[in-house]
C-alpha atoms as a PDB file:
ATOM      1  CA  MET A   1     -11.268 -73.811 -52.207  1.00  0.00           C
ATOM      2  CA  ASP A   2      -9.244 -71.998 -55.140  1.00  0.00           C
ATOM      3  CA  GLU A   3     -11.523 -72.987 -57.387  1.00  0.00           C
ATOM      4  CA  LEU A   4     -14.612 -72.020 -55.744  1.00  0.00           C
ATOM      5  CA  ARG A   5     -12.576 -69.274 -54.207  1.00  0.00           C
ATOM      6  CA  GLU A   6     -12.642 -67.864 -58.637  1.00  0.00           C
ATOM      7  CA  ALA A   7     -16.156 -69.022 -58.485  1.00  0.00           C
ATOM      8  CA  VAL A   8     -16.823 -66.702 -55.767  1.00  0.00           C
ATOM      9  CA  VAL A   9     -15.169 -63.818 -57.272  1.00  0.00           C
ATOM     10  CA  ASN A  10     -17.110 -64.485 -60.865  1.00  0.00           C
ATOM     11  CA  VAL A  11     -20.156 -63.774 -59.299  1.00  0.00           C
ATOM     12  CA  LEU A  12     -19.009 -60.872 -58.099  1.00  0.00           C
ATOM     13  CA  ARG A  13     -17.956 -59.783 -61.112  1.00  0.00           C
ATOM     14  CA  LYS A  14     -21.145 -60.743 -63.157  1.00  0.00           C
ATOM     15  CA  VAL A  15     -23.352 -59.328 -59.695  1.00  0.00           C
ATOM     16  CA  ARG A  16     -21.817 -55.481 -60.180  1.00  0.00           C
ATOM     17  CA  ALA A  17     -21.658 -55.542 -63.873  1.00  0.00           C
ATOM     18  CA  HIS A  18     -25.749 -56.706 -64.283  1.00  0.00           C
ATOM     19  CA  ARG A  19     -26.565 -55.531 -60.493  1.00  0.00           C
ATOM     20  CA  GLY A  20     -30.252 -54.891 -62.732  1.00  0.00           C
ATOM     21  CA  LEU A  21     -30.887 -58.193 -63.752  1.00  0.00           C
ATOM     22  CA  TYR A  22     -30.399 -60.063 -60.741  1.00  0.00           C
ATOM     23  CA  THR A  23     -32.231 -58.374 -59.103  1.00  0.00           C
ATOM     24  CA  LYS A  24     -35.025 -59.415 -61.106  1.00  0.00           C
ATOM     25  CA  ASN A  25     -34.641 -62.361 -62.567  1.00  0.00           C
ATOM     26  CA  GLU A  26     -34.298 -65.148 -60.991  1.00  0.00           C
ATOM     27  CA  GLU A  27     -33.973 -67.357 -63.764  1.00  0.00           C
ATOM     28  CA  ALA A  28     -30.788 -65.359 -64.172  1.00  0.00           C
ATOM     29  CA  VAL A  29     -29.927 -65.616 -60.687  1.00  0.00           C
ATOM     30  CA  LYS A  30     -29.915 -69.248 -60.989  1.00  0.00           C
ATOM     31  CA  GLN A  31     -27.974 -69.981 -64.451  1.00  0.00           C
ATOM     32  CA  HIS A  32     -25.597 -67.420 -63.723  1.00  0.00           C
ATOM     33  CA  LEU A  33     -24.726 -67.378 -60.177  1.00  0.00           C
ATOM     34  CA  ILE A  34     -26.168 -70.428 -57.982  1.00  0.00           C
ATOM     35  CA  GLY A  35     -24.870 -72.782 -60.621  1.00  0.00           C
ATOM     36  CA  GLU A  36     -21.212 -71.364 -61.017  1.00  0.00           C
ATOM     37  CA  ILE A  37     -21.119 -71.827 -56.827  1.00  0.00           C
ATOM     38  CA  PHE A  38     -22.530 -75.361 -56.684  1.00  0.00           C
ATOM     39  CA  ARG A  39     -20.863 -76.657 -59.370  1.00  0.00           C
ATOM     40  CA  ALA A  40     -17.549 -74.552 -57.826  1.00  0.00           C
ATOM     41  CA  LEU A  41     -18.517 -76.954 -54.524  1.00  0.00           C
ATOM     42  CA  GLY A  42     -18.043 -80.033 -56.367  1.00  0.00           C
ATOM     43  CA  TRP A  43     -22.223 -80.814 -57.342  1.00  0.00           C
ATOM     44  CA  ASP A  44     -22.234 -82.302 -61.172  1.00  0.00           C
ATOM     45  CA  TRP A  45     -25.251 -79.722 -62.225  1.00  0.00           C
ATOM     46  CA  ASN A  46     -25.964 -80.920 -64.752  1.00  0.00           C
ATOM     47  CA  ASN A  47     -26.753 -84.731 -62.886  1.00  0.00           C
ATOM     48  CA  PRO A  48     -30.001 -85.931 -62.396  1.00  0.00           C
ATOM     49  CA  GLU A  49     -28.284 -88.312 -59.789  1.00  0.00           C
ATOM     50  CA  GLU A  50     -27.369 -84.870 -57.817  1.00  0.00           C
ATOM     51  CA  VAL A  51     -28.674 -81.918 -58.638  1.00  0.00           C
ATOM     52  CA  ARG A  52     -32.707 -81.957 -59.550  1.00  0.00           C
ATOM     53  CA  PRO A  53     -34.013 -79.136 -59.913  1.00  0.00           C
ATOM     54  CA  GLU A  54     -38.021 -78.102 -59.220  1.00  0.00           C
ATOM     55  CA  ALA A  55     -38.099 -80.965 -56.736  1.00  0.00           C
ATOM     56  CA  ARG A  56     -41.855 -81.677 -56.013  1.00  0.00           C
ATOM     57  CA  THR A  57     -42.210 -81.815 -52.024  1.00  0.00           C
ATOM     58  CA  GLU A  58     -45.943 -82.009 -50.234  1.00  0.00           C
ATOM     59  CA  ASP A  59     -46.124 -78.286 -50.121  1.00  0.00           C
ATOM     60  CA  GLY A  60     -45.063 -77.021 -53.672  1.00  0.00           C
ATOM     61  CA  ARG A  61     -41.757 -77.111 -55.413  1.00  0.00           C
ATOM     62  CA  ALA A  62     -38.651 -76.704 -54.446  1.00  0.00           C
ATOM     63  CA  ASP A  63     -36.396 -75.020 -56.859  1.00  0.00           C
ATOM     64  CA  TYR A  64     -33.461 -77.851 -56.506  1.00  0.00           C
ATOM     65  CA  ALA A  65     -32.939 -80.416 -54.511  1.00  0.00           C
ATOM     66  CA  LEU A  66     -29.309 -82.010 -53.356  1.00  0.00           C
ATOM     67  CA  MET A  67     -29.418 -85.461 -53.925  1.00  0.00           C
ATOM     68  CA  LEU A  68     -26.687 -87.574 -51.314  1.00  0.00           C
ATOM     69  CA  ASP A  69     -27.254 -92.082 -51.631  1.00  0.00           C
ATOM     70  CA  GLY A  70     -30.212 -91.605 -54.225  1.00  0.00           C
ATOM     71  CA  LYS A  71     -32.605 -90.392 -51.151  1.00  0.00           C
ATOM     72  CA  VAL A  72     -32.991 -85.639 -51.089  1.00  0.00           C
ATOM     73  CA  PHE A  73     -30.206 -84.554 -48.579  1.00  0.00           C
ATOM     74  CA  ALA A  74     -31.044 -80.946 -48.456  1.00  0.00           C
ATOM     75  CA  TYR A  75     -33.494 -78.391 -50.919  1.00  0.00           C
ATOM     76  CA  VAL A  76     -32.526 -75.134 -52.198  1.00  0.00           C
ATOM     77  CA  GLU A  77     -34.879 -72.129 -52.661  1.00  0.00           C
ATOM     78  CA  ALA A  78     -33.556 -69.660 -54.757  1.00  0.00           C
ATOM     79  CA  LYS A  79     -34.797 -65.849 -54.575  1.00  0.00           C
ATOM     80  CA  ASN A  80     -33.465 -63.104 -56.971  1.00  0.00           C
ATOM     81  CA  MET A  81     -31.617 -60.503 -55.872  1.00  0.00           C
ATOM     82  CA  GLY A  82     -34.464 -58.877 -55.029  1.00  0.00           C
ATOM     83  CA  VAL A  83     -35.557 -60.269 -52.076  1.00  0.00           C
ATOM     84  CA  ASN A  84     -33.675 -59.706 -48.887  1.00  0.00           C
ATOM     85  CA  ILE A  85     -33.451 -63.756 -47.213  1.00  0.00           C
ATOM     86  CA  LEU A  86     -31.568 -62.150 -44.452  1.00  0.00           C
ATOM     87  CA  LYS A  87     -34.374 -60.171 -43.377  1.00  0.00           C
ATOM     88  CA  LYS A  88     -37.933 -61.465 -44.382  1.00  0.00           C
ATOM     89  CA  ASP A  89     -38.780 -64.623 -43.463  1.00  0.00           C
ATOM     90  CA  GLU A  90     -41.526 -66.011 -45.312  1.00  0.00           C
ATOM     91  CA  PRO A  91     -38.567 -67.450 -48.272  1.00  0.00           C
ATOM     92  CA  LEU A  92     -36.345 -69.206 -45.170  1.00  0.00           C
ATOM     93  CA  ARG A  93     -40.447 -70.128 -44.184  1.00  0.00           C
ATOM     94  CA  GLN A  94     -41.131 -72.051 -47.155  1.00  0.00           C
ATOM     95  CA  LEU A  95     -37.870 -73.291 -47.781  1.00  0.00           C
ATOM     96  CA  ALA A  96     -38.435 -75.092 -43.401  1.00  0.00           C
ATOM     97  CA  ARG A  97     -41.865 -76.211 -45.432  1.00  0.00           C
ATOM     98  CA  TYR A  98     -41.014 -77.689 -47.406  1.00  0.00           C
ATOM     99  CA  CYS A  99     -38.448 -79.896 -45.538  1.00  0.00           C
ATOM    100  CA  PHE A 100     -40.435 -80.450 -43.189  1.00  0.00           C
ATOM    101  CA  ASN A 101     -42.817 -81.822 -45.380  1.00  0.00           C
ATOM    102  CA  SER A 102     -40.972 -84.262 -47.004  1.00  0.00           C
ATOM    103  CA  GLY A 103     -38.770 -85.324 -43.852  1.00  0.00           C
ATOM    104  CA  VAL A 104     -35.740 -83.527 -45.468  1.00  0.00           C
ATOM    105  CA  ARG A 105     -33.726 -81.860 -42.602  1.00  0.00           C
ATOM    106  CA  TYR A 106     -31.653 -80.002 -44.819  1.00  0.00           C
ATOM    107  CA  GLY A 107     -31.964 -76.300 -46.633  1.00  0.00           C
ATOM    108  CA  ILE A 108     -30.535 -73.957 -48.838  1.00  0.00           C
ATOM    109  CA  LEU A 109     -31.757 -70.397 -49.207  1.00  0.00           C
ATOM    110  CA  THR A 110     -29.865 -68.684 -51.446  1.00  0.00           C
ATOM    111  CA  ASN A 111     -30.175 -65.529 -53.446  1.00  0.00           C
ATOM    112  CA  GLY A 112     -27.201 -66.286 -55.337  1.00  0.00           C
ATOM    113  CA  THR A 113     -24.517 -63.318 -53.612  1.00  0.00           C
ATOM    114  CA  VAL A 114     -26.709 -64.494 -49.913  1.00  0.00           C
ATOM    115  CA  TRP A 115     -26.280 -68.011 -48.359  1.00  0.00           C
ATOM    116  CA  ILE A 116     -28.204 -69.652 -45.880  1.00  0.00           C
ATOM    117  CA  ALA A 117     -28.145 -72.846 -44.848  1.00  0.00           C
ATOM    118  CA  VAL A 118     -30.592 -74.034 -42.124  1.00  0.00           C
ATOM    119  CA  LYS A 119     -31.227 -77.834 -40.578  1.00  0.00           C
ATOM    120  CA  ALA A 120     -35.154 -77.443 -41.323  1.00  0.00           C
ATOM    121  CA  PHE A 121     -36.735 -78.930 -37.759  1.00  0.00           C
ATOM    122  CA  GLU A 122     -35.447 -79.608 -34.319  1.00  0.00           C
ATOM    123  CA  GLU A 123     -38.165 -79.703 -31.169  1.00  0.00           C
ATOM    124  CA  GLY A 124     -38.149 -77.338 -29.473  1.00  0.00           C
ATOM    125  CA  SER A 125     -36.052 -74.630 -30.781  1.00  0.00           C
ATOM    126  CA  ARG A 126     -37.020 -71.628 -33.577  1.00  0.00           C
ATOM    127  CA  LEU A 127     -36.357 -71.420 -37.358  1.00  0.00           C
ATOM    128  CA  TRP A 128     -33.848 -68.094 -37.303  1.00  0.00           C
ATOM    129  CA  ASP A 129     -32.147 -70.696 -34.662  1.00  0.00           C
ATOM    130  CA  ARG A 130     -31.171 -73.118 -36.733  1.00  0.00           C
ATOM    131  CA  VAL A 131     -29.395 -71.306 -38.819  1.00  0.00           C
ATOM    132  CA  LEU A 132     -26.219 -73.465 -39.422  1.00  0.00           C
ATOM    133  CA  ILE A 133     -24.379 -70.572 -41.726  1.00  0.00           C
ATOM    134  CA  ALA A 134     -25.162 -67.618 -43.115  1.00  0.00           C
ATOM    135  CA  ALA A 135     -22.850 -65.907 -45.757  1.00  0.00           C
ATOM    136  CA  ASN A 136     -23.046 -62.536 -47.618  1.00  0.00           C
ATOM    137  CA  ILE A 137     -20.720 -62.660 -50.725  1.00  0.00           C
ATOM    138  CA  GLU A 138     -21.140 -58.433 -51.500  1.00  0.00           C
ATOM    139  CA  GLU A 139     -20.449 -57.577 -47.733  1.00  0.00           C
ATOM    140  CA  GLU A 140     -18.389 -60.741 -45.850  1.00  0.00           C
ATOM    141  CA  PRO A 141     -13.939 -60.927 -46.777  1.00  0.00           C
ATOM    142  CA  LEU A 142     -13.487 -62.873 -49.862  1.00  0.00           C
ATOM    143  CA  GLU A 143     -11.599 -65.692 -47.380  1.00  0.00           C
ATOM    144  CA  ARG A 144     -14.635 -65.927 -44.871  1.00  0.00           C
ATOM    145  CA  VAL A 145     -17.329 -66.421 -47.458  1.00  0.00           C
ATOM    146  CA  VAL A 146     -14.492 -69.494 -48.962  1.00  0.00           C
ATOM    147  CA  LEU A 147     -14.591 -71.372 -46.247  1.00  0.00           C
ATOM    148  CA  LYS A 148     -17.959 -70.908 -45.013  1.00  0.00           C
ATOM    149  CA  LEU A 149     -19.330 -71.998 -48.622  1.00  0.00           C
ATOM    150  CA  SER A 150     -17.522 -74.526 -48.329  1.00  0.00           C
ATOM    151  CA  ILE A 151     -18.840 -76.778 -45.890  1.00  0.00           C
ATOM    152  CA  LEU A 152     -21.397 -77.335 -48.673  1.00  0.00           C
ATOM    153  CA  SER A 153     -19.531 -79.096 -50.796  1.00  0.00           C
ATOM    154  CA  LYS A 154     -20.515 -82.467 -51.830  1.00  0.00           C
ATOM    155  CA  SER A 155     -17.381 -83.786 -49.778  1.00  0.00           C
ATOM    156  CA  ARG A 156     -18.289 -81.966 -47.030  1.00  0.00           C
ATOM    157  CA  ILE A 157     -22.240 -81.241 -46.503  1.00  0.00           C
ATOM    158  CA  ARG A 158     -22.900 -84.731 -44.753  1.00  0.00           C
ATOM    159  CA  ASP A 159     -20.996 -83.029 -42.122  1.00  0.00           C
ATOM    160  CA  VAL A 160     -22.424 -80.009 -42.113  1.00  0.00           C
ATOM    161  CA  GLU A 161     -24.161 -79.666 -38.562  1.00  0.00           C
ATOM    162  CA  ARG A 162     -20.833 -81.074 -36.933  1.00  0.00           C
ATOM    163  CA  LEU A 163     -18.143 -77.678 -38.974  1.00  0.00           C
ATOM    164  CA  ALA A 164     -20.679 -75.132 -38.825  1.00  0.00           C
ATOM    165  CA  SER A 165     -20.770 -75.718 -35.359  1.00  0.00           C
ATOM    166  CA  LEU A 166     -16.959 -76.054 -35.556  1.00  0.00           C
ATOM    167  CA  LEU A 167     -16.925 -73.197 -37.289  1.00  0.00           C
ATOM    168  CA  LYS A 168     -18.975 -70.637 -34.718  1.00  0.00           C
ATOM    169  CA  ALA A 169     -17.130 -72.027 -32.037  1.00  0.00           C
ATOM    170  CA  LEU A 170     -14.299 -70.621 -33.818  1.00  0.00           C
ATOM    171  CA  GLU A 171     -15.460 -67.256 -34.769  1.00  0.00           C
ATOM    172  CA  LEU A 172     -16.833 -67.151 -30.817  1.00  0.00           C
ATOM    173  CA  SER A 173     -13.329 -68.129 -29.172  1.00  0.00           C
ATOM    174  CA  PHE A 174     -12.028 -65.511 -31.154  1.00  0.00           C
ATOM    175  CA  GLU A 175     -13.790 -62.916 -30.768  1.00  0.00           C
ATOM    176  CA  GLY A 176     -13.826 -63.306 -26.733  1.00  0.00           C
ATOM    177  CA  LEU A 177      -9.927 -62.990 -26.704  1.00  0.00           C
ATOM    178  CA  LYS A 178      -9.965 -59.957 -29.101  1.00  0.00           C
ATOM    179  CA  ARG A 179     -11.925 -58.044 -26.976  1.00  0.00           C
ATOM    180  CA  GLU A 180      -9.426 -60.052 -23.672  1.00  0.00           C
ATOM    181  CA  GLY A 181      -7.388 -57.536 -25.917  1.00  0.00           C
ATOM    182  CA  TYR A 182      -5.002 -60.152 -27.685  1.00  0.00           C
ATOM    183  CA  SER A 183      -4.199 -58.739 -31.289  1.00  0.00           C
ATOM    184  CA  GLU A 184      -5.481 -60.681 -34.254  1.00  0.00           C
ATOM    185  CA  LYS A 185      -1.936 -61.490 -35.777  1.00  0.00           C
ATOM    186  CA  THR A 186      -1.462 -62.775 -31.947  1.00  0.00           C
ATOM    187  CA  LEU A 187      -4.033 -65.011 -32.245  1.00  0.00           C
ATOM    188  CA  VAL A 188      -3.759 -65.674 -35.678  1.00  0.00           C
ATOM    189  CA  GLU A 189       0.154 -66.815 -35.397  1.00  0.00           C
ATOM    190  CA  TYR A 190      -1.284 -69.012 -32.568  1.00  0.00           C
ATOM    191  CA  LEU A 191      -3.512 -70.897 -34.324  1.00  0.00           C
ATOM    192  CA  THR A 192      -1.106 -71.980 -37.219  1.00  0.00           C
ATOM    193  CA  SER A 193       1.944 -72.565 -34.885  1.00  0.00           C
ATOM    194  CA  ARG A 194       3.726 -75.313 -35.212  1.00  0.00           C
ATOM    195  CA  GLU A 195       3.343 -78.426 -32.669  1.00  0.00           C
ATOM    196  CA  GLY A 196       6.970 -79.649 -32.086  1.00  0.00           C
ATOM    197  CA  SER A 197       8.909 -76.828 -33.621  1.00  0.00           C
ATOM    198  CA  THR A 198       9.951 -73.328 -32.901  1.00  0.00           C
ATOM    199  CA  THR A 199       8.995 -70.572 -35.584  1.00  0.00           C
ATOM    200  CA  LEU A 200      10.738 -67.071 -35.489  1.00  0.00           C
ATOM    201  CA  PRO A 201      10.254 -64.150 -37.248  1.00  0.00           C
ATOM    202  CA  VAL A 202      13.111 -63.438 -38.673  1.00  0.00           C
ATOM    203  CA  ALA A 203      13.700 -60.213 -36.678  1.00  0.00           C
ATOM    204  CA  GLU A 204      14.057 -63.056 -33.689  1.00  0.00           C
ATOM    205  CA  LEU A 205      17.031 -64.986 -35.355  1.00  0.00           C
ATOM    206  CA  ARG A 206      20.977 -64.281 -35.041  1.00  0.00           C
ATOM    207  CA  GLY A 207      22.429 -66.144 -38.476  1.00  0.00           C
ATOM    208  CA  ASP A 208      23.011 -69.079 -37.498  1.00  0.00           C
ATOM    209  CA  GLU A 209      20.414 -71.487 -37.046  1.00  0.00           C
ATOM    210  CA  THR A 210      19.648 -74.275 -39.156  1.00  0.00           C
ATOM    211  CA  PRO A 211      16.097 -73.140 -40.522  1.00  0.00           C
ATOM    212  CA  LYS A 212      13.889 -75.965 -41.251  1.00  0.00           C
ATOM    213  CA  ALA A 213      10.827 -74.360 -43.610  1.00  0.00           C
ATOM    214  CA  ALA A 214      10.288 -70.234 -44.051  1.00  0.00           C
ATOM    215  CA  TYR A 215       7.077 -68.769 -44.660  1.00  0.00           C
ATOM    216  CA  VAL A 216       5.984 -65.292 -45.430  1.00  0.00           C
ATOM    217  CA  TYR A 217       2.629 -63.968 -44.843  1.00  0.00           C
ATOM    218  CA  ASP A 218      -0.135 -63.481 -47.646  1.00  0.00           C
ATOM    219  CA  SER A 219      -3.540 -63.680 -46.660  1.00  0.00           C
ATOM    220  CA  GLY A 220      -2.238 -65.965 -43.572  1.00  0.00           C
ATOM    221  CA  TRP A 221       1.203 -67.753 -43.304  1.00  0.00           C
ATOM    222  CA  LYS A 222       2.607 -69.220 -46.795  1.00  0.00           C
ATOM    223  CA  LEU A 223       5.116 -71.785 -46.981  1.00  0.00           C
ATOM    224  CA  LEU A 224       8.387 -71.828 -49.301  1.00  0.00           C
ATOM    225  CA  PRO A 225       9.976 -74.688 -50.574  1.00  0.00           C
ATOM    226  CA  LEU A 226      13.789 -74.062 -49.468  1.00  0.00           C
ATOM    227  CA  PRO A 227      16.317 -74.392 -52.004  1.00  0.00           C
ATOM    228  CA  GLU A 228      19.182 -75.549 -49.089  1.00  0.00           C
ATOM    229  CA  LYS A 229      18.455 -75.235 -45.525  1.00  0.00           C
ATOM    230  CA  SER A 230      20.619 -72.363 -44.737  1.00  0.00           C
ATOM    231  CA  ILE A 231      19.677 -68.128 -44.318  1.00  0.00           C
ATOM    232  CA  LYS A 232      20.777 -68.013 -47.284  1.00  0.00           C
ATOM    233  CA  GLY A 233      18.173 -70.929 -48.854  1.00  0.00           C
ATOM    234  CA  VAL A 234      15.456 -69.019 -46.962  1.00  0.00           C
ATOM    235  CA  LEU A 235      16.772 -65.013 -48.687  1.00  0.00           C
ATOM    236  CA  LEU A 236      16.907 -67.638 -52.252  1.00  0.00           C
ATOM    237  CA  ALA A 237      13.114 -69.019 -51.361  1.00  0.00           C
ATOM    238  CA  VAL A 238      11.730 -65.480 -50.410  1.00  0.00           C
ATOM    239  CA  LEU A 239      13.330 -63.678 -53.604  1.00  0.00           C
ATOM    240  CA  LEU A 240      10.846 -66.894 -56.177  1.00  0.00           C
ATOM    241  CA  TYR A 241       8.076 -65.439 -53.639  1.00  0.00           C
ATOM    242  CA  MET A 242       8.542 -62.200 -54.529  1.00  0.00           C
ATOM    243  CA  GLU A 243       9.250 -63.133 -58.174  1.00  0.00           C
ATOM    244  CA  LYS A 244       6.012 -64.551 -58.545  1.00  0.00           C
ATOM    245  CA  THR A 245       4.207 -61.724 -57.004  1.00  0.00           C
ATOM    246  CA  SER A 246       6.168 -59.146 -59.411  1.00  0.00           C
ATOM    247  CA  SER A 247       5.995 -58.022 -62.168  1.00  0.00           C
ATOM    248  CA  GLY A 248       6.925 -55.806 -65.660  1.00  0.00           C
ATOM    249  CA  TYR A 249      10.556 -54.059 -64.313  1.00  0.00           C
ATOM    250  CA  GLN A 250      10.799 -55.340 -60.893  1.00  0.00           C
ATOM    251  CA  ARG A 251       9.731 -58.451 -61.840  1.00  0.00           C
ATOM    252  CA  GLU A 252      13.384 -58.674 -64.087  1.00  0.00           C
ATOM    253  CA  GLU A 253      15.310 -57.271 -60.979  1.00  0.00           C
ATOM    254  CA  ILE A 254      13.964 -59.735 -58.128  1.00  0.00           C
ATOM    255  CA  ARG A 255      15.398 -62.468 -60.480  1.00  0.00           C
ATOM    256  CA  LYS A 256      18.605 -60.726 -61.510  1.00  0.00           C
ATOM    257  CA  ALA A 257      18.980 -60.731 -57.297  1.00  0.00           C
ATOM    258  CA  TYR A 258      18.149 -63.757 -57.323  1.00  0.00           C
ATOM    259  CA  GLU A 259      20.906 -65.871 -59.715  1.00  0.00           C
ATOM    260  CA  HIS A 260      24.061 -63.604 -58.757  1.00  0.00           C
ATOM    261  CA  LEU A 261      22.649 -64.545 -55.087  1.00  0.00           C
ATOM    262  CA  ARG A 262      22.098 -68.446 -56.325  1.00  0.00           C
ATOM    263  CA  THR A 263      25.753 -68.317 -57.541  1.00  0.00           C
ATOM    264  CA  VAL A 264      28.047 -66.249 -55.032  1.00  0.00           C
ATOM    265  CA  GLN A 265      28.696 -68.001 -51.029  1.00  0.00           C
ATOM    266  CA  LEU A 266      26.706 -65.983 -48.610  1.00  0.00           C
ATOM    267  CA  ASP A 267      26.969 -66.015 -44.942  1.00  0.00           C
ATOM    268  CA  PRO A 268      24.302 -66.052 -43.211  1.00  0.00           C
ATOM    269  CA  LYS A 269      24.199 -62.526 -41.063  1.00  0.00           C
ATOM    270  CA  THR A 270      24.789 -61.020 -44.474  1.00  0.00           C
ATOM    271  CA  ALA A 271      21.625 -62.889 -45.558  1.00  0.00           C
ATOM    272  CA  LEU A 272      19.899 -62.281 -42.766  1.00  0.00           C
ATOM    273  CA  GLU A 273      20.691 -58.043 -43.122  1.00  0.00           C
ATOM    274  CA  ILE A 274      19.529 -59.048 -46.227  1.00  0.00           C
ATOM    275  CA  LEU A 275      16.280 -60.347 -45.645  1.00  0.00           C
ATOM    276  CA  ARG A 276      15.586 -58.281 -43.016  1.00  0.00           C
ATOM    277  CA  LYS A 277      16.130 -54.801 -45.424  1.00  0.00           C
ATOM    278  CA  LEU A 278      13.257 -56.803 -47.603  1.00  0.00           C
ATOM    279  CA  GLU A 279      10.815 -56.704 -44.400  1.00  0.00           C
ATOM    280  CA  GLU A 280      11.531 -53.104 -43.994  1.00  0.00           C
ATOM    281  CA  GLU A 281      10.888 -51.616 -47.831  1.00  0.00           C
ATOM    282  CA  GLU A 282       8.990 -54.482 -49.822  1.00  0.00           C
ATOM    283  CA  ARG A 283       6.690 -54.435 -46.066  1.00  0.00           C
ATOM    284  CA  LEU A 284       6.473 -58.596 -45.557  1.00  0.00           C
ATOM    285  CA  ARG A 285       6.241 -60.477 -42.682  1.00  0.00           C
ATOM    286  CA  ILE A 286       8.358 -63.232 -42.849  1.00  0.00           C
ATOM    287  CA  ALA A 287       9.345 -66.360 -40.013  1.00  0.00           C
ATOM    288  CA  VAL A 288      11.118 -69.327 -40.160  1.00  0.00           C
ATOM    289  CA  GLU A 289      10.437 -72.268 -38.733  1.00  0.00           C
ATOM    290  CA  LEU A 290      13.647 -74.101 -36.819  1.00  0.00           C
END
C-alpha cells in the first residue's frame, strides 16, 4: 500500500505542475499518470503477458487489456483530463461495448485522476448501477483513494466484485451509524479494537497496569514497539515515535530526553504523568493495550 500511496501523491504533483498538458494530451496521461498507478498496483506495465496496449475488439481498440492466465480479464480505456468521465456517459458506454462484444466482464475507465471500474454486463441492470469503484484522486482523501484503487491490484483484482461490495457495505454502515449520532472517533476505535484485549487511553490508566502494546493515532492507530512491558516502556515508545516524526532542534531534545529516561528508574505514576502531559502539549492520542 505504501508504494501505491506514493504513486498517487506523485500523480497529484504532476497534475498540479502540468495540468494544461494532461487536460489536452491523452498520451501524456497514459505514460505519466496511468502507467505509474498500474505499476504501483503490481502490474508489469511492459510485459505483454500482463498488459497489452491497443487491444483489438469487435467495436474498436481498447487502450489496454489486463491479462490473467493468458486471457483478457479487463479492458482499460484512457481519456485526457479534459474529459469529465464522471458526467459524460459515452466514455463508459464505449468501454462497456468493448467488453460486451469480447465477452470481457470488467472494464476500467480513467483520465489519470478519476478511476472507474465497472462490471460490463448484467441482465436487467443499468450501466452506472454496475460501477464497482469510483475514485477521484484530486477530490477524495488520500487514504480513501488508495484503498479503493488497491482493489485493482494484480493480487486482488480477481475478487474485484466481492471487495467492492464489502467496501460499499462498510461505507453505508459507517455513514448510517454517524447519522444515528455516533462519532467517527467512536466508530474507528470500535473497528480497530482487538478482540480479547482491553485498550484504554492513557487518561484512564491508574499506573499499575502491565501493557501488552502501545498505540498512537496518526491517520489511524499505529502500533509502537515496546522496549519493555511497563508504563515507562510506553513512554519510551512514544518518545521514539516523536523523534522519528520531528526534525532539527526538537528532534535532538526528544532524543536527549529518551536517553535520560531510558537509564533512570522511573515509577509508573511518574511515567503516566509525563505521558499525559505529552498528550496535552503535543496533541497526541495515545492508547495502551492491557
